[in-house]
Protein backbone atom coordinates (compact mmCIF):
# COMPACT_ATOMS: atom_id res chain seq x y z
CA UNK A 1 29.19 -15.38 26.87
CA UNK A 2 26.04 -17.50 27.30
CA UNK A 3 22.69 -16.48 25.47
CA UNK A 4 21.16 -18.46 28.02
CA UNK A 5 22.09 -18.57 31.70
CA UNK A 6 20.34 -21.04 34.15
CA UNK A 7 21.63 -19.60 37.68
CA UNK A 8 20.88 -21.82 40.51
CA UNK A 9 17.04 -22.77 39.80
CA UNK A 10 15.18 -24.91 41.88
CA UNK A 11 11.98 -25.89 41.33
CA UNK A 12 9.53 -27.31 44.30
CA UNK A 13 5.91 -29.05 43.97
CA UNK A 14 4.83 -29.16 47.51
CA UNK A 15 7.79 -31.63 49.24
CA UNK A 16 9.05 -32.73 46.02
CA UNK A 17 12.24 -30.61 44.58
CA UNK A 18 12.02 -31.48 40.76
CA UNK A 19 15.07 -29.22 40.04
CA UNK A 20 17.60 -28.19 42.92
CA UNK A 21 20.40 -25.40 42.45
CA UNK A 22 20.69 -26.12 38.60
CA UNK A 23 23.18 -24.08 36.41
CA UNK A 24 24.34 -23.84 33.39
CA UNK A 25 24.83 -22.17 29.99
CA UNK A 26 24.04 -22.19 26.41
CA UNK A 27 25.96 -20.19 23.71
CA UNK A 28 24.38 -18.47 20.73
CA UNK A 29 24.25 -20.85 18.29
CA UNK A 30 25.25 -24.08 20.02
CA UNK A 31 23.62 -27.38 20.49
CA UNK A 32 23.28 -28.42 23.94
CA UNK A 33 21.82 -31.77 25.42
CA UNK A 34 20.05 -31.97 28.74
CA UNK A 35 19.97 -35.64 29.61
CA UNK A 36 19.23 -37.93 32.55
CA UNK A 37 17.30 -40.93 33.69
CA UNK A 38 13.47 -40.82 33.94
CA UNK A 39 12.36 -38.41 36.58
CA UNK A 40 15.50 -36.13 36.49
CA UNK A 41 13.59 -32.93 36.19
CA UNK A 42 14.83 -32.23 32.72
CA UNK A 43 11.04 -31.32 31.61
CA UNK A 44 10.52 -29.28 34.50
CA UNK A 45 13.50 -27.39 33.75
CA UNK A 46 12.09 -26.80 30.11
CA UNK A 47 8.93 -25.45 31.77
CA UNK A 48 11.30 -23.15 33.92
CA UNK A 49 12.86 -21.80 30.69
CA UNK A 50 9.72 -21.57 28.48
CA UNK A 51 7.34 -20.07 31.08
CA UNK A 52 5.23 -23.13 31.67
CA UNK A 53 5.90 -23.12 35.46
CA UNK A 54 7.89 -20.35 37.53
CA UNK A 55 11.16 -21.54 39.28
CA UNK A 56 10.62 -21.47 43.02
CA UNK A 57 14.11 -19.77 43.72
CA UNK A 58 16.97 -19.07 41.01
CA UNK A 59 17.02 -17.00 37.78
CA UNK A 60 16.80 -17.49 33.98
CA UNK A 61 18.46 -14.98 31.89
CA UNK A 62 18.15 -14.77 28.08
CA UNK A 63 20.76 -12.47 26.26
CA UNK A 64 20.79 -10.60 29.42
CA UNK A 65 17.23 -9.80 30.30
CA UNK A 66 15.88 -11.62 33.25
CA UNK A 67 12.96 -14.11 31.90
CA UNK A 68 12.12 -15.33 35.26
CA UNK A 69 8.63 -16.21 35.78
CA UNK A 70 7.74 -14.72 32.65
CA UNK A 71 4.30 -16.46 30.86
CA UNK A 72 4.70 -18.94 27.66
CA UNK A 73 3.43 -15.85 25.27
CA UNK A 74 5.90 -13.70 26.86
CA UNK A 75 8.91 -16.20 26.89
CA UNK A 76 8.01 -16.64 23.06
CA UNK A 77 8.11 -13.11 22.44
CA UNK A 78 11.45 -12.58 24.17
CA UNK A 79 13.00 -15.69 22.08
CA UNK A 80 12.27 -18.84 23.14
CA UNK A 81 10.50 -21.31 21.30
CA UNK A 82 9.97 -24.85 22.08
CA UNK A 83 8.13 -28.52 21.29
CA UNK A 84 6.99 -31.18 23.67
CA UNK A 85 7.18 -34.59 24.13
CA UNK A 86 4.43 -35.40 22.81
CA UNK A 87 3.85 -33.26 19.43
CA UNK A 88 1.11 -30.80 20.27
CA UNK A 89 -0.20 -30.21 16.52
CA UNK A 90 -3.87 -28.93 15.62
CA UNK A 91 -4.68 -32.46 14.11
CA UNK A 92 -7.60 -30.90 11.90
CA UNK A 93 -5.42 -28.27 10.61
CA UNK A 94 -3.02 -28.63 7.66
CA UNK A 95 0.91 -28.81 7.99
CA UNK A 96 0.84 -25.16 6.45
CA UNK A 97 -1.96 -23.82 8.75
CA UNK A 98 0.07 -25.48 11.75
CA UNK A 99 3.00 -23.36 11.05
CA UNK A 100 1.21 -20.27 10.51
CA UNK A 101 -0.10 -20.23 13.88
CA UNK A 102 3.34 -19.68 15.29
CA UNK A 103 4.10 -17.00 12.68
CA UNK A 104 1.27 -15.01 13.60
CA UNK A 105 2.81 -14.24 17.21
CA UNK A 106 5.29 -11.90 15.10
CA UNK A 107 3.21 -10.32 12.72
CA UNK A 108 -0.76 -10.41 11.47
CA UNK A 109 -0.24 -10.48 7.58
CA UNK A 110 -1.64 -13.37 6.28
CA UNK A 111 0.56 -13.56 3.16
CA UNK A 112 3.69 -13.19 5.31
CA UNK A 113 2.37 -15.74 7.13
CA UNK A 114 1.77 -18.33 4.48
CA UNK A 115 5.20 -17.60 2.58
CA UNK A 116 7.17 -18.00 6.05
CA UNK A 117 5.34 -21.71 6.83
CA UNK A 118 5.75 -22.85 3.41
CA UNK A 119 9.57 -21.81 3.92
CA UNK A 120 9.96 -23.40 7.22
CA UNK A 121 8.10 -26.74 5.94
CA UNK A 122 10.46 -27.06 3.38
CA UNK A 123 13.23 -26.37 5.69
CA UNK A 124 12.08 -29.28 7.88
CA UNK A 125 11.73 -31.25 4.45
CA UNK A 126 7.77 -31.29 4.74
CA UNK A 127 6.91 -28.92 2.16
CA UNK A 128 5.55 -31.70 -0.03
CA UNK A 129 2.89 -31.96 2.70
CA UNK A 130 1.65 -28.70 2.96
CA UNK A 131 -1.84 -29.67 2.76
CA UNK A 132 -1.89 -32.67 4.69
CA UNK A 133 -3.94 -32.80 8.03
CA UNK A 134 -1.60 -33.03 10.51
CA UNK A 135 -3.63 -35.66 12.52
CA UNK A 136 -2.70 -37.64 9.39
CA UNK A 137 0.86 -37.35 9.75
CA UNK A 138 3.66 -39.78 10.98
CA UNK A 139 4.96 -39.49 14.58
CA UNK A 140 8.45 -38.08 12.92
CA UNK A 141 6.45 -35.85 10.68
CA UNK A 142 4.63 -34.22 13.35
CA UNK A 143 7.61 -33.91 15.62
CA UNK A 144 9.34 -31.88 12.70
CA UNK A 145 6.06 -29.82 12.24
CA UNK A 146 6.31 -28.96 15.72
CA UNK A 147 10.10 -27.57 15.16
CA UNK A 148 8.61 -25.88 11.61
CA UNK A 149 5.82 -24.15 13.93
CA UNK A 150 8.43 -23.18 17.06
CA UNK A 151 10.79 -21.83 14.52
CA UNK A 152 8.19 -19.44 12.99
CA UNK A 153 8.01 -17.58 16.15
CA UNK A 154 11.57 -16.43 15.32
CA UNK A 155 13.26 -17.97 18.44
CA UNK A 156 17.28 -17.16 19.37
CA UNK A 157 17.07 -20.57 21.42
CA UNK A 158 14.88 -23.70 20.94
CA UNK A 159 14.28 -26.13 23.22
CA UNK A 160 13.58 -29.63 21.82
CA UNK A 161 11.66 -32.24 24.17
CA UNK A 162 12.91 -35.84 23.16
CA UNK A 163 12.20 -34.90 19.25
CA UNK A 164 14.02 -38.16 18.40
CA UNK A 165 12.14 -40.41 20.73
CA UNK A 166 10.11 -43.46 19.56
CA UNK A 167 11.81 -42.78 15.93
CA UNK A 168 13.67 -45.23 13.36
CA UNK A 169 17.47 -44.89 12.53
CA UNK A 170 16.42 -43.60 9.19
CA UNK A 171 14.20 -41.09 10.96
CA UNK A 172 16.84 -40.25 13.79
CA UNK A 173 19.22 -39.04 11.21
CA UNK A 174 16.81 -37.02 9.63
CA UNK A 175 15.77 -35.07 12.60
CA UNK A 176 19.88 -34.67 13.05
CA UNK A 177 20.28 -33.21 9.57
CA UNK A 178 17.62 -30.67 10.78
CA UNK A 179 18.62 -29.56 13.84
CA UNK A 180 22.22 -29.08 12.17
CA UNK A 181 20.43 -26.47 9.72
CA UNK A 182 18.68 -25.14 12.61
CA UNK A 183 22.40 -24.45 14.55
CA UNK A 184 23.52 -23.46 11.00
CA UNK A 185 21.27 -20.54 11.62
CA UNK A 186 22.54 -19.19 14.69
CA UNK A 187 19.87 -20.59 16.45
CA UNK A 188 20.88 -22.21 20.14
CA UNK A 189 19.58 -25.76 20.58
CA UNK A 190 18.89 -26.82 24.21
CA UNK A 191 17.63 -30.65 23.65
CA UNK A 192 16.05 -33.24 26.16
CA UNK A 193 16.87 -36.60 24.54
CA UNK A 194 17.18 -40.11 25.56
CA UNK A 195 18.23 -41.16 21.89
CA UNK A 196 21.80 -40.62 22.98
CA UNK A 197 23.21 -41.69 19.49
CA UNK A 198 21.30 -38.90 17.99
CA UNK A 199 22.38 -35.97 20.58
CA UNK A 200 26.06 -37.00 21.28
CA UNK A 201 27.62 -36.64 18.21
CA UNK A 202 26.36 -33.15 17.35
CA UNK A 203 26.13 -31.46 20.92
CA UNK A 204 28.73 -28.80 21.79
CA UNK A 205 27.95 -29.62 25.61
CA UNK A 206 26.11 -31.89 27.76
CA UNK A 207 24.47 -31.16 30.84
CA UNK A 208 23.31 -34.20 33.07
CA UNK A 209 20.54 -33.96 35.52
CA UNK A 210 19.51 -36.99 38.33
CA UNK A 211 16.92 -36.66 40.76
CA UNK A 212 16.84 -32.98 39.88
CA UNK A 213 20.32 -31.90 40.64
CA UNK A 214 23.32 -31.49 37.83
CA UNK A 215 25.50 -34.25 38.37
CA UNK A 216 28.03 -33.54 35.40
CA UNK A 217 28.54 -31.13 32.43
CA UNK A 218 31.11 -31.07 29.29
CA UNK A 219 31.67 -32.26 26.31
CA UNK A 220 29.88 -35.51 24.90
CA UNK A 221 32.95 -37.70 25.68
CA UNK A 222 33.72 -36.19 29.00
CA UNK A 223 30.53 -36.73 30.32
CA UNK A 224 29.97 -40.33 28.67
CA UNK A 225 33.43 -41.48 30.52
CA UNK A 226 32.23 -39.73 33.59
CA UNK A 227 31.79 -42.55 36.49
CA UNK A 228 29.00 -40.67 38.16
CA UNK A 229 26.68 -40.68 35.22
CA UNK A 230 27.56 -44.23 34.15
CA UNK A 231 26.27 -45.11 37.68
CA UNK A 232 23.05 -42.91 37.38
CA UNK A 233 21.97 -44.63 33.81
CA UNK A 234 23.23 -48.05 35.04
CA UNK A 235 23.46 -48.34 38.50
CA UNK A 236 26.21 -49.24 41.04
CA UNK A 237 27.75 -52.37 41.30
């Protein structure tokens, strides 16, 4: 049984259809990649799941609960964590304070929030930067900081939007290690990614969007050999 079920979701912006009748599932503790060319509707789908925009039609089910149309805070409380393409850190605050912000969603005890934030900073290999202002961190560090803050809300599903984009090979490997550790905690990961060498080796399944429609779904090997997917990325002859 899927932890997340996206059922025939359509999202329209006036006359533009960003997602059209998209359906897929993510099992508990699974890593699922959501890929596709630029403009395929991947971030729009994330926004619908995380409450940053309601679907025009269709349903989003999390662990049997209909979360369609809930606000971002309500989705977070239901168990949906999320990071963004551009790491949204509080640049004037320290790394520790950034993660504490997430921890305060589930409790107001400052001591407990600090302890949890420190634990999560070590979890994403940023423990030594606890007192460092977020604005002085590298792109890779800020991305992992955003992941730690999302984990602080204790999600059952974590949405990661291009967490590996713009990173060098060493940074990609570090990020992959963090994703695998998250998976090992039993947290499901739905990852929008253009760095296919980062997502393909670790994903249980891949969902491919193109022009807002799902054109393929399967194992990484099945998807990478699909002529329809190859044409979407490389174009027809």
